[in-house]
Structures are given as C-alpha cells and as structure tokens.
Amino acid sequence: MSGLVVSASVTDVVVGATTTVTATASYSDGTTAVVTPVWQSSADAVATVTAAGVVTGVSAGTTTVTGTF
C-alpha cells in the first residue's frame, strides 16, 4: 500500500444523524481499493461508530474517529 485516504460525507454530525466513513487504499501499481479498518470513536458518549463505518451523533461534543488495521 502506498497511500490511504479516509473520507466522510460530512464531518459534523448532529445528534441522531449518521454519516459513513470510508477508507480507500492506493497501491504502487496505480490501483485503489476500499478497505475496512477497525473503526473506533474516542468518545462514544458523543458519537458511536459501527464496524461498517456508520457514525451516529449521540450528544453535543467532539470526538475523533480512527481506523486501524
């Protein structure tokens, strides 16, 4: 893998709303592929994230969503 781009349709999620985060890997041969890391929210009281990358706003505040392989 030569690069990784993580994206979301929105970066501010209101309480009760959802957005999906995705990760796309790029390779040295020029190809790309959507990959699935283990997603995690740094503050589940603010936003939760599922294994599929669906982030749900729980309460006002700030959290960081990370993906690890």
N, C-alpha and C. Protein backbone atom coordinates (compact mmCIF):
# COMPACT_ATOMS: atom_id res chain seq x y z
N MET A 1 0.85 -1.16 0.00
CA MET A 1 0.00 0.00 0.00
C MET A 1 0.90 1.23 0.00
N SER A 2 0.56 2.20 -0.84
CA SER A 2 1.37 3.41 -0.91
C SER A 2 0.65 4.63 -0.36
N GLY A 3 -0.63 4.49 -0.08
CA GLY A 3 -1.38 5.62 0.47
C GLY A 3 -2.73 5.19 0.98
N LEU A 4 -3.33 6.05 1.80
CA LEU A 4 -4.65 5.76 2.37
C LEU A 4 -5.41 7.07 2.50
N VAL A 5 -6.63 7.09 1.99
CA VAL A 5 -7.49 8.26 2.11
C VAL A 5 -8.72 7.85 2.90
N VAL A 6 -9.00 8.59 3.98
CA VAL A 6 -10.20 8.37 4.78
C VAL A 6 -11.15 9.53 4.49
N SER A 7 -12.40 9.20 4.21
CA SER A 7 -13.34 10.27 3.89
C SER A 7 -14.70 10.01 4.53
N ALA A 8 -15.45 11.10 4.69
CA ALA A 8 -16.82 11.05 5.21
C ALA A 8 -17.63 12.08 4.44
N SER A 9 -18.91 11.81 4.28
CA SER A 9 -19.75 12.75 3.53
C SER A 9 -19.92 14.06 4.29
N VAL A 10 -19.89 14.01 5.61
CA VAL A 10 -19.91 15.21 6.46
C VAL A 10 -18.96 14.98 7.62
N THR A 11 -18.46 16.07 8.20
CA THR A 11 -17.56 15.92 9.35
C THR A 11 -18.20 16.40 10.64
N ASP A 12 -19.35 17.07 10.55
CA ASP A 12 -20.12 17.47 11.73
C ASP A 12 -21.43 16.70 11.70
N VAL A 13 -21.64 15.87 12.70
CA VAL A 13 -22.84 15.03 12.75
C VAL A 13 -23.71 15.50 13.91
N VAL A 14 -24.95 15.86 13.62
CA VAL A 14 -25.86 16.29 14.68
C VAL A 14 -26.42 15.08 15.41
N VAL A 15 -26.94 15.32 16.60
CA VAL A 15 -27.48 14.24 17.43
C VAL A 15 -28.57 13.51 16.66
N GLY A 16 -28.44 12.19 16.58
CA GLY A 16 -29.42 11.35 15.90
C GLY A 16 -29.14 11.14 14.41
N ALA A 17 -28.25 11.93 13.85
CA ALA A 17 -27.93 11.80 12.42
C ALA A 17 -26.77 10.84 12.24
N THR A 18 -26.58 10.39 11.01
CA THR A 18 -25.49 9.46 10.71
C THR A 18 -24.70 9.94 9.49
N THR A 19 -23.50 9.47 9.40
CA THR A 19 -22.66 9.61 8.22
C THR A 19 -21.80 8.35 8.15
N THR A 20 -21.25 8.09 7.01
CA THR A 20 -20.41 6.90 6.85
C THR A 20 -18.99 7.31 6.50
N VAL A 21 -18.02 6.74 7.21
CA VAL A 21 -16.62 6.97 6.89
C VAL A 21 -16.12 5.78 6.06
N THR A 22 -15.26 6.09 5.09
CA THR A 22 -14.69 5.05 4.25
C THR A 22 -13.19 5.24 4.17
N ALA A 23 -12.50 4.17 3.87
CA ALA A 23 -11.04 4.20 3.69
C ALA A 23 -10.72 3.58 2.33
N THR A 24 -9.93 4.31 1.55
CA THR A 24 -9.52 3.83 0.23
C THR A 24 -8.01 3.76 0.18
N ALA A 25 -7.49 2.58 -0.09
CA ALA A 25 -6.04 2.37 -0.19
C ALA A 25 -5.62 2.54 -1.64
N SER A 26 -4.43 3.12 -1.82
CA SER A 26 -3.84 3.18 -3.16
C SER A 26 -2.55 2.36 -3.14
N TYR A 27 -2.27 1.76 -4.27
CA TYR A 27 -1.14 0.84 -4.37
C TYR A 27 -0.14 1.35 -5.42
N SER A 28 1.07 0.87 -5.34
CA SER A 28 2.14 1.34 -6.22
C SER A 28 1.88 1.03 -7.69
N ASP A 29 1.01 0.07 -7.97
CA ASP A 29 0.70 -0.23 -9.38
C ASP A 29 -0.41 0.66 -9.93
N GLY A 30 -0.86 1.64 -9.13
CA GLY A 30 -1.87 2.58 -9.58
C GLY A 30 -3.30 2.19 -9.27
N THR A 31 -3.51 1.01 -8.71
CA THR A 31 -4.87 0.58 -8.38
C THR A 31 -5.28 1.11 -7.01
N THR A 32 -6.58 1.13 -6.78
CA THR A 32 -7.13 1.52 -5.49
C THR A 32 -8.14 0.48 -5.05
N ALA A 33 -8.42 0.45 -3.76
CA ALA A 33 -9.43 -0.47 -3.23
C ALA A 33 -9.99 0.11 -1.94
N VAL A 34 -11.29 -0.05 -1.76
CA VAL A 34 -11.91 0.31 -0.49
C VAL A 34 -11.50 -0.76 0.51
N VAL A 35 -10.98 -0.34 1.65
CA VAL A 35 -10.54 -1.27 2.69
C VAL A 35 -11.35 -1.02 3.95
N THR A 36 -11.39 -2.01 4.83
CA THR A 36 -12.21 -1.89 6.03
C THR A 36 -11.35 -2.01 7.28
N PRO A 37 -11.00 -0.88 7.87
CA PRO A 37 -10.26 -0.93 9.13
C PRO A 37 -11.22 -1.20 10.28
N VAL A 38 -10.68 -1.35 11.47
CA VAL A 38 -11.49 -1.42 12.68
C VAL A 38 -11.70 0.03 13.12
N TRP A 39 -12.94 0.50 13.01
CA TRP A 39 -13.27 1.89 13.35
C TRP A 39 -13.49 2.03 14.85
N GLN A 40 -13.13 3.19 15.39
CA GLN A 40 -13.32 3.45 16.82
C GLN A 40 -13.54 4.94 17.05
N SER A 41 -14.45 5.26 17.96
CA SER A 41 -14.69 6.64 18.37
C SER A 41 -13.95 6.89 19.67
N SER A 42 -13.33 8.05 19.79
CA SER A 42 -12.62 8.37 21.04
C SER A 42 -13.58 8.77 22.15
N ALA A 43 -14.84 9.03 21.83
CA ALA A 43 -15.83 9.41 22.84
C ALA A 43 -17.20 8.86 22.42
N ASP A 44 -17.49 7.64 22.84
CA ASP A 44 -18.76 7.02 22.48
C ASP A 44 -19.97 7.78 23.02
N ALA A 45 -19.77 8.61 24.04
CA ALA A 45 -20.88 9.42 24.57
C ALA A 45 -21.24 10.54 23.60
N VAL A 46 -20.34 10.86 22.67
CA VAL A 46 -20.57 11.92 21.68
C VAL A 46 -20.99 11.33 20.34
N ALA A 47 -20.31 10.29 19.90
CA ALA A 47 -20.65 9.63 18.63
C ALA A 47 -20.18 8.19 18.68
N THR A 48 -20.99 7.31 18.13
CA THR A 48 -20.60 5.91 18.03
C THR A 48 -20.27 5.61 16.57
N VAL A 49 -19.52 4.54 16.37
CA VAL A 49 -19.19 4.13 15.00
C VAL A 49 -19.27 2.61 14.93
N THR A 50 -19.91 2.11 13.89
CA THR A 50 -20.07 0.66 13.71
C THR A 50 -18.88 0.09 12.94
N ALA A 51 -18.83 -1.22 12.87
CA ALA A 51 -17.78 -1.90 12.11
C ALA A 51 -17.84 -1.52 10.63
N ALA A 52 -19.01 -1.14 10.15
CA ALA A 52 -19.18 -0.74 8.75
C ALA A 52 -18.83 0.73 8.53
N GLY A 53 -18.47 1.46 9.59
CA GLY A 53 -18.09 2.85 9.47
C GLY A 53 -19.23 3.84 9.57
N VAL A 54 -20.39 3.40 10.04
CA VAL A 54 -21.52 4.31 10.21
C VAL A 54 -21.37 5.04 11.55
N VAL A 55 -21.25 6.36 11.47
CA VAL A 55 -21.08 7.21 12.65
C VAL A 55 -22.43 7.82 13.00
N THR A 56 -22.82 7.71 14.28
CA THR A 56 -24.09 8.26 14.74
C THR A 56 -23.83 9.28 15.84
N GLY A 57 -24.38 10.48 15.67
CA GLY A 57 -24.26 11.51 16.70
C GLY A 57 -25.10 11.14 17.91
N VAL A 58 -24.49 11.19 19.10
CA VAL A 58 -25.18 10.81 20.34
C VAL A 58 -25.48 12.04 21.19
N SER A 59 -24.50 12.93 21.32
CA SER A 59 -24.67 14.16 22.11
C SER A 59 -23.70 15.21 21.59
N ALA A 60 -23.91 16.45 22.04
CA ALA A 60 -23.01 17.53 21.62
C ALA A 60 -21.61 17.28 22.15
N GLY A 61 -20.61 17.65 21.39
CA GLY A 61 -19.24 17.48 21.81
C GLY A 61 -18.33 17.16 20.63
N THR A 62 -17.11 16.76 20.96
CA THR A 62 -16.11 16.46 19.94
C THR A 62 -15.56 15.06 20.16
N THR A 63 -15.39 14.35 19.08
CA THR A 63 -14.77 13.02 19.13
C THR A 63 -13.89 12.85 17.90
N THR A 64 -13.02 11.90 17.97
CA THR A 64 -12.18 11.55 16.83
C THR A 64 -12.47 10.11 16.45
N VAL A 65 -12.75 9.89 15.17
CA VAL A 65 -12.98 8.54 14.67
C VAL A 65 -11.68 8.09 14.01
N THR A 66 -11.18 6.95 14.46
CA THR A 66 -9.95 6.41 13.89
C THR A 66 -10.22 5.02 13.32
N GLY A 67 -9.38 4.64 12.38
CA GLY A 67 -9.44 3.31 11.80
C GLY A 67 -8.07 2.66 11.88
N THR A 68 -8.02 1.44 12.38
CA THR A 68 -6.75 0.72 12.49
C THR A 68 -6.83 -0.60 11.73
N PHE A 69 -5.68 -1.07 11.30
CA PHE A 69 -5.61 -2.34 10.57
C PHE A 69 -4.85 -3.36 11.39
